[in-house]
């Protein structure tokens, strides 16, 4: 799947936003012509899924028309709308179409304000209980500080009967975090993340990682055993919580101006025009060669030096943004040699 960023506008200001280089800096919306070009480019991979992102995608003035284009494009089978859920009731006629799934990032009412949070709850009730879309909706949470609030999302998951929860440990989006030892960061976050996961699993809900997965070496065998036991008790299939591979593949985000980035965490460091590539495969290969081959060969932490999983490209040591400065140094060194 590749994502199309249709707008840089958002109706929230999240403290952890992974797209903070772009969002709300100016009023930029993708044109309809460029939107169609982006769809055509993604569909060079037959059967590819499409993600629609922002900003907040529902803020685009032609969002309804953009959804209609996807509905009537026979090449497109699956579309995920990444949204905060506040405006989705305005587009219910389109979003109930079976092509669409919603990934709703849920923020604490402390961060969003009570009015925005209450609107989200009302919209969840509409889509789940009136339009029976529970199986096409996934709630998500970003764990962006050690003592993050999560009581609110536990309540949402239970009230609306969701069985899965998308989670992410927030990617580095400040210079301070980019100079942080990744393993130290994960160790600091671990007790809070595990406490949260245990609570979620005890409520018969299975969390899964979307981004910045903790390397398996962070967990003790006892902690892994407890997760395994709790997941088994849910009788719900695990997606990746127990996975020993913590590698990072290019996401591909196409910006409103048709530049493409590997992901928002690395957006400062490489933007390329999609017109320079024949298809989505070439673009993914470019980012693999440009970043991933270096990413696995520089260390997230001194503790990663002798790690066999890193050497065989099964562990990236967390988000590449932790070690982007080292990756750039390695790129420059190779450039000088060649």
Protein backbone atom coordinates (compact mmCIF):
# COMPACT_ATOMS: atom_id res chain seq x y z
CA UNK A 1 0.00 0.00 0.00
CA UNK A 2 1.10 3.58 -0.69
CA UNK A 3 -0.45 6.74 0.72
CA UNK A 4 -1.70 9.92 -0.93
CA UNK A 5 -1.46 13.07 1.18
CA UNK A 6 -4.34 15.10 -0.20
CA UNK A 7 -4.06 18.06 2.18
CA UNK A 8 -1.69 19.63 4.67
CA UNK A 9 -4.56 21.04 6.69
CA UNK A 10 -5.71 19.53 9.98
CA UNK A 11 -8.38 20.40 12.53
CA UNK A 12 -6.21 19.21 15.43
CA UNK A 13 -2.70 19.93 16.65
CA UNK A 14 -1.41 16.66 18.07
CA UNK A 15 1.73 16.94 20.23
CA UNK A 16 3.39 13.93 18.55
CA UNK A 17 2.39 14.57 14.91
CA UNK A 18 4.67 12.57 12.60
CA UNK A 19 3.89 14.97 9.73
CA UNK A 20 4.81 18.11 11.63
CA UNK A 21 7.07 19.32 8.80
CA UNK A 22 3.96 19.75 6.65
CA UNK A 23 0.76 20.01 8.64
CA UNK A 24 -0.90 23.40 9.07
CA UNK A 25 2.20 25.24 7.85
CA UNK A 26 0.19 26.48 4.86
CA UNK A 27 -3.12 25.83 3.15
CA UNK A 28 -2.03 23.27 0.56
CA UNK A 29 -4.46 20.86 -1.08
CA UNK A 30 -3.75 18.34 -3.82
CA UNK A 31 -5.38 19.22 -7.13
CA UNK A 32 -7.78 16.76 -8.68
CA UNK A 33 -5.46 16.25 -11.67
CA UNK A 34 -2.54 15.38 -9.40
CA UNK A 35 -4.78 13.13 -7.31
CA UNK A 36 -5.64 11.08 -10.39
CA UNK A 37 -1.93 10.93 -11.33
CA UNK A 38 -1.11 9.63 -7.84
CA UNK A 39 -3.80 6.94 -8.09
CA UNK A 40 -2.53 5.90 -11.53
CA UNK A 41 1.02 5.64 -10.19
CA UNK A 42 0.04 3.49 -7.20
CA UNK A 43 -2.05 1.23 -9.40
CA UNK A 44 1.03 0.29 -11.44
CA UNK A 45 1.15 -2.36 -8.71
CA UNK A 46 -1.86 -4.50 -9.52
CA UNK A 47 -4.23 -4.88 -6.60
CA UNK A 48 -2.35 -2.35 -4.48
CA UNK A 49 -4.17 -0.78 -1.57
CA UNK A 50 -4.36 2.99 -1.29
CA UNK A 51 -4.14 5.06 1.88
CA UNK A 52 -5.64 8.57 1.98
CA UNK A 53 -3.86 10.75 4.51
CA UNK A 54 -3.32 14.35 5.58
CA UNK A 55 -3.20 16.49 7.59
CA UNK A 56 -6.77 15.48 8.09
CA UNK A 57 -8.05 14.22 4.71
CA UNK A 58 -11.66 15.21 5.41
CA UNK A 59 -10.48 18.85 5.41
CA UNK A 60 -9.87 18.76 1.63
CA UNK A 61 -12.60 20.87 -0.06
CA UNK A 62 -13.12 18.16 -2.71
CA UNK A 63 -12.91 15.14 -0.41
CA UNK A 64 -16.36 13.88 -1.43
CA UNK A 65 -15.41 13.96 -5.11
CA UNK A 66 -12.12 12.20 -4.34
CA UNK A 67 -13.98 9.37 -2.65
CA UNK A 68 -16.33 9.08 -5.62
CA UNK A 69 -13.36 8.71 -7.98
CA UNK A 70 -12.09 5.77 -5.93
CA UNK A 71 -15.53 4.18 -5.78
CA UNK A 72 -15.84 4.21 -9.57
CA UNK A 73 -12.24 3.16 -10.36
CA UNK A 74 -12.43 -0.57 -11.09
CA UNK A 75 -8.69 -0.98 -10.48
CA UNK A 76 -9.07 0.04 -6.84
CA UNK A 77 -10.27 -2.62 -4.42
CA UNK A 78 -9.19 -1.38 -1.00
CA UNK A 79 -8.77 2.11 0.42
CA UNK A 80 -7.87 3.06 3.99
CA UNK A 81 -8.80 6.53 5.19
CA UNK A 82 -6.46 7.75 7.95
CA UNK A 83 -8.55 10.18 9.98
CA UNK A 84 -9.21 11.57 13.43
CA UNK A 85 -12.88 10.77 12.90
CA UNK A 86 -14.27 14.20 13.73
CA UNK A 87 -15.68 15.02 10.27
CA UNK A 88 -16.48 11.58 8.87
CA UNK A 89 -20.25 11.98 9.36
CA UNK A 90 -20.23 14.53 6.53
CA UNK A 91 -19.18 11.80 4.07
CA UNK A 92 -21.15 8.83 5.35
CA UNK A 93 -22.82 8.21 1.96
CA UNK A 94 -19.41 7.55 0.38
CA UNK A 95 -17.54 5.99 3.30
CA UNK A 96 -20.03 3.17 3.80
CA UNK A 97 -19.00 1.81 0.38
CA UNK A 98 -17.30 -1.59 0.85
CA UNK A 99 -14.03 -0.37 -0.67
CA UNK A 100 -13.37 1.85 2.33
CA UNK A 101 -11.85 1.09 5.72
CA UNK A 102 -11.26 3.70 8.41
CA UNK A 103 -8.18 3.91 10.59
CA UNK A 104 -9.22 6.38 13.25
CA UNK A 105 -6.45 7.86 15.34
CA UNK A 106 -7.95 8.49 18.76
CA UNK A 107 -6.52 11.19 20.96
CA UNK A 108 -7.21 11.82 24.60
CA UNK A 109 -9.89 14.46 25.31
CA UNK A 110 -7.11 16.20 27.24
CA UNK A 111 -5.31 16.74 23.92
CA UNK A 112 -8.27 17.31 21.60
CA UNK A 113 -10.73 19.06 23.88
CA UNK A 114 -14.06 17.66 25.04
CA UNK A 115 -16.07 18.95 22.06
CA UNK A 116 -13.87 17.24 19.45
CA UNK A 117 -13.72 14.04 21.50
CA UNK A 118 -17.49 13.92 21.95
CA UNK A 119 -17.92 14.37 18.19
CA UNK A 120 -15.62 11.40 17.60
CA UNK A 121 -17.68 9.25 19.97
CA UNK A 122 -20.90 10.30 18.23
CA UNK A 123 -19.44 9.41 14.83
CA UNK A 124 -18.23 6.02 16.04
CA UNK A 125 -21.75 5.30 17.25
CA UNK A 126 -23.12 6.31 13.83
CA UNK A 127 -20.75 4.17 11.76
CA UNK A 128 -20.70 1.15 14.09
CA UNK A 129 -24.31 0.91 15.22
CA UNK A 130 -26.26 2.41 12.31
CA UNK A 131 -24.08 1.42 9.35
CA UNK A 132 -22.55 -1.77 10.82
CA UNK A 133 -18.98 -0.86 9.87
CA UNK A 134 -17.26 -2.24 12.98
CA UNK A 135 -15.24 -4.76 10.96
CA UNK A 136 -13.94 -2.01 8.67
CA UNK A 137 -12.91 0.38 11.42
CA UNK A 138 -9.67 0.22 13.38
CA UNK A 139 -8.93 2.53 16.28
CA UNK A 140 -5.37 3.68 16.83
CA UNK A 141 -3.29 5.29 19.55
CA UNK A 142 0.12 6.95 19.49
CA UNK A 143 2.17 6.34 22.60
CA UNK A 144 4.11 9.58 22.61
CA UNK A 145 5.34 9.93 26.19
CA UNK A 146 6.00 7.52 29.06
CA UNK A 147 2.89 8.36 31.09
CA UNK A 148 0.49 8.55 28.13
CA UNK A 149 -3.24 8.53 28.89
CA UNK A 150 -5.10 5.44 27.67
CA UNK A 151 -8.22 5.03 29.81
CA UNK A 152 -10.31 6.78 27.16
CA UNK A 153 -9.37 4.38 24.35
CA UNK A 154 -9.96 1.32 26.51
CA UNK A 155 -13.46 2.63 27.06
CA UNK A 156 -14.01 3.22 23.32
CA UNK A 157 -12.75 -0.26 22.45
CA UNK A 158 -15.08 -1.90 24.96
CA UNK A 159 -18.17 0.21 24.25
CA UNK A 160 -18.00 -0.33 20.48
CA UNK A 161 -16.81 -3.92 20.55
CA UNK A 162 -13.53 -3.64 18.65
CA UNK A 163 -11.18 -6.64 18.74
CA UNK A 164 -7.96 -5.00 17.51
CA UNK A 165 -6.07 -1.81 18.33
CA UNK A 166 -3.44 -0.21 16.13
CA UNK A 167 -0.55 1.15 18.22
CA UNK A 168 2.61 3.10 17.50
CA UNK A 169 5.40 4.37 19.67
CA UNK A 170 5.73 7.89 18.34
CA UNK A 171 8.52 8.36 15.84
CA UNK A 172 11.22 10.94 16.53
CA UNK A 173 10.03 14.32 15.27
CA UNK A 174 12.39 16.64 17.10
CA UNK A 175 16.15 17.11 16.98
CA UNK A 176 16.38 15.93 20.60
CA UNK A 177 14.86 12.55 19.79
CA UNK A 178 16.89 12.23 16.60
CA UNK A 179 20.00 12.32 18.77
CA UNK A 180 18.61 9.82 21.28
CA UNK A 181 19.90 6.29 21.68
CA UNK A 182 16.99 4.19 20.38
CA UNK A 183 17.43 1.31 22.81
CA UNK A 184 17.50 3.72 25.76
CA UNK A 185 14.28 5.31 24.47
CA UNK A 186 12.51 1.96 24.12
CA UNK A 187 13.63 0.86 27.59
CA UNK A 188 12.20 4.07 29.04
CA UNK A 189 8.88 3.51 27.24
CA UNK A 190 8.66 -0.25 27.86
CA UNK A 191 7.02 -0.40 31.33
CA UNK A 192 4.28 2.00 30.23
CA UNK A 193 3.72 0.26 26.89
CA UNK A 194 3.58 -3.20 28.49
CA UNK A 195 1.23 -2.03 31.23
CA UNK A 196 -1.07 -0.69 28.52
CA UNK A 197 -0.83 -3.85 26.40
CA UNK A 198 -1.63 -6.04 29.41
CA UNK A 199 -4.75 -3.97 30.15
CA UNK A 200 -5.88 -4.13 26.51
CA UNK A 201 -5.36 -7.89 26.29
CA UNK A 202 -7.13 -8.49 29.60
CA UNK A 203 -10.16 -6.87 27.95
CA UNK A 204 -10.03 -9.42 25.11
CA UNK A 205 -8.61 -6.94 22.59
CA UNK A 206 -5.37 -7.55 20.68
CA UNK A 207 -3.01 -4.62 20.06
CA UNK A 208 -0.68 -4.60 17.08
CA UNK A 209 2.21 -2.42 15.95
CA UNK A 210 1.96 -0.05 13.02
CA UNK A 211 5.17 1.95 13.36
CA UNK A 212 8.37 2.02 15.41
CA UNK A 213 8.01 -1.47 16.85
CA UNK A 214 10.10 -2.26 19.91
CA UNK A 215 12.99 -4.62 19.04
CA UNK A 216 12.42 -8.06 20.53
CA UNK A 217 15.62 -7.78 22.59
CA UNK A 218 13.92 -5.11 24.72
CA UNK A 219 11.55 -7.69 26.19
CA UNK A 220 12.61 -10.32 28.70
CA UNK A 221 11.51 -13.92 28.21
CA UNK A 222 9.12 -13.50 31.13
CA UNK A 223 7.51 -10.47 29.47
CA UNK A 224 7.22 -12.30 26.14
CA UNK A 225 5.64 -15.28 27.89
CA UNK A 226 3.06 -13.06 29.57
CA UNK A 227 2.12 -11.44 26.25
CA UNK A 228 1.86 -14.86 24.63
CA UNK A 229 -0.33 -16.15 27.46
CA UNK A 230 -2.66 -13.13 27.33
CA UNK A 231 -3.00 -13.29 23.54
CA UNK A 232 -3.77 -17.01 23.68
CA UNK A 233 -6.52 -16.31 26.21
CA UNK A 234 -8.22 -13.84 23.87
CA UNK A 235 -8.62 -16.55 21.21
CA UNK A 236 -8.05 -13.76 18.66
CA UNK A 237 -5.30 -14.08 16.09
CA UNK A 238 -2.12 -12.13 16.83
CA UNK A 239 -1.08 -9.78 14.03
CA UNK A 240 2.49 -8.88 14.95
CA UNK A 241 2.82 -8.30 18.69
CA UNK A 242 4.81 -11.52 19.12
CA UNK A 243 6.74 -11.17 15.87
CA UNK A 244 10.52 -11.49 16.21
CA UNK A 245 11.13 -9.48 13.02
CA UNK A 246 11.13 -5.74 13.67
CA UNK A 247 12.27 -4.48 10.31
CA UNK A 248 11.08 -1.30 8.62
CA UNK A 249 9.90 -1.22 5.00
CA UNK A 250 9.33 1.90 2.86
CA UNK A 251 5.78 3.17 3.28
CA UNK A 252 5.71 5.61 0.31
CA UNK A 253 3.78 8.80 0.96
CA UNK A 254 2.90 10.89 -2.10
CA UNK A 255 2.68 14.57 -1.19
CA UNK A 256 0.23 17.12 -2.67
CA UNK A 257 2.87 18.32 -5.16
CA UNK A 258 3.56 14.72 -6.34
CA UNK A 259 6.86 14.49 -4.53
CA UNK A 260 7.22 11.15 -2.76
CA UNK A 261 8.90 10.42 0.56
CA UNK A 262 9.83 7.10 2.14
CA UNK A 263 7.87 8.03 5.25
CA UNK A 264 7.21 11.19 7.25
CA UNK A 265 9.96 10.44 9.76
CA UNK A 266 12.54 10.78 6.96
CA UNK A 267 10.80 13.53 4.99
CA UNK A 268 13.59 16.05 5.61
CA UNK A 269 16.11 13.88 3.82
CA UNK A 270 14.75 12.65 0.49
CA UNK A 271 11.96 13.82 -1.76
CA UNK A 272 11.67 12.53 -5.32
CA UNK A 273 9.20 13.14 -8.13
CA UNK A 274 6.98 10.18 -8.91
CA UNK A 275 7.33 11.07 -12.60
CA UNK A 276 10.98 9.98 -12.37
CA UNK A 277 9.89 6.36 -11.84
CA UNK A 278 8.10 3.94 -14.13
CA UNK A 279 6.13 2.32 -11.34
CA UNK A 280 5.73 1.92 -7.59
CA UNK A 281 8.20 -1.01 -7.54
CA UNK A 282 11.01 1.23 -8.84
CA UNK A 283 10.22 3.86 -6.23
CA UNK A 284 10.29 1.35 -3.37
CA UNK A 285 13.57 -0.05 -4.69
CA UNK A 286 15.01 3.48 -4.78
CA UNK A 287 14.22 4.08 -1.12
CA UNK A 288 15.50 0.62 -0.18
CA UNK A 289 18.82 1.41 -1.85
CA UNK A 290 18.92 5.00 -0.61
CA UNK A 291 18.06 4.36 3.04
CA UNK A 292 17.46 0.78 4.06
CA UNK A 293 20.80 -0.65 2.98
CA UNK A 294 22.47 2.06 5.08
CA UNK A 295 19.93 1.83 7.90
CA UNK A 296 20.81 -1.78 8.68
CA UNK A 297 24.52 -1.03 8.58
CA UNK A 298 24.59 1.80 11.09
CA UNK A 299 23.73 1.30 14.73
CA UNK A 300 20.68 2.57 16.61
CA UNK A 301 22.66 1.93 19.79
CA UNK A 302 26.01 0.48 20.79
CA UNK A 303 24.00 -2.53 22.00
CA UNK A 304 23.11 -3.32 18.36
CA UNK A 305 26.72 -3.86 17.26
CA UNK A 306 26.80 -7.66 17.42
CA UNK A 307 23.10 -8.27 16.81
CA UNK A 308 22.58 -11.02 14.24
CA UNK A 309 19.03 -9.87 13.49
CA UNK A 310 20.37 -6.50 12.42
CA UNK A 311 23.01 -8.15 10.22
CA UNK A 312 20.42 -10.29 8.41
CA UNK A 313 18.01 -7.32 8.12
CA UNK A 314 15.40 -8.65 10.53
CA UNK A 315 15.65 -5.73 12.95
CA UNK A 316 16.02 -2.06 12.10
CA UNK A 317 16.54 -1.05 15.73
CA UNK A 318 13.41 1.07 15.70
CA UNK A 319 12.57 4.05 13.52
CA UNK A 320 15.35 5.14 11.15
CA UNK A 321 14.86 8.71 12.34
CA UNK A 322 16.73 7.78 15.53
CA UNK A 323 19.88 7.31 13.45
CA UNK A 324 19.23 9.52 10.43
CA UNK A 325 22.36 11.59 11.10
CA UNK A 326 24.47 8.42 11.04
CA UNK A 327 22.73 7.26 7.84
CA UNK A 328 23.55 10.58 6.16
CA UNK A 329 27.18 10.27 7.25
CA UNK A 330 27.33 6.78 5.73
CA UNK A 331 25.72 8.00 2.50
CA UNK A 332 28.23 10.85 2.24
CA UNK A 333 31.14 8.49 2.86
CA UNK A 334 30.00 6.14 0.09
CA UNK A 335 29.53 9.12 -2.23
CA UNK A 336 33.08 10.30 -1.61
CA UNK A 337 34.50 6.82 -2.26
CA UNK A 338 32.55 6.34 -5.47
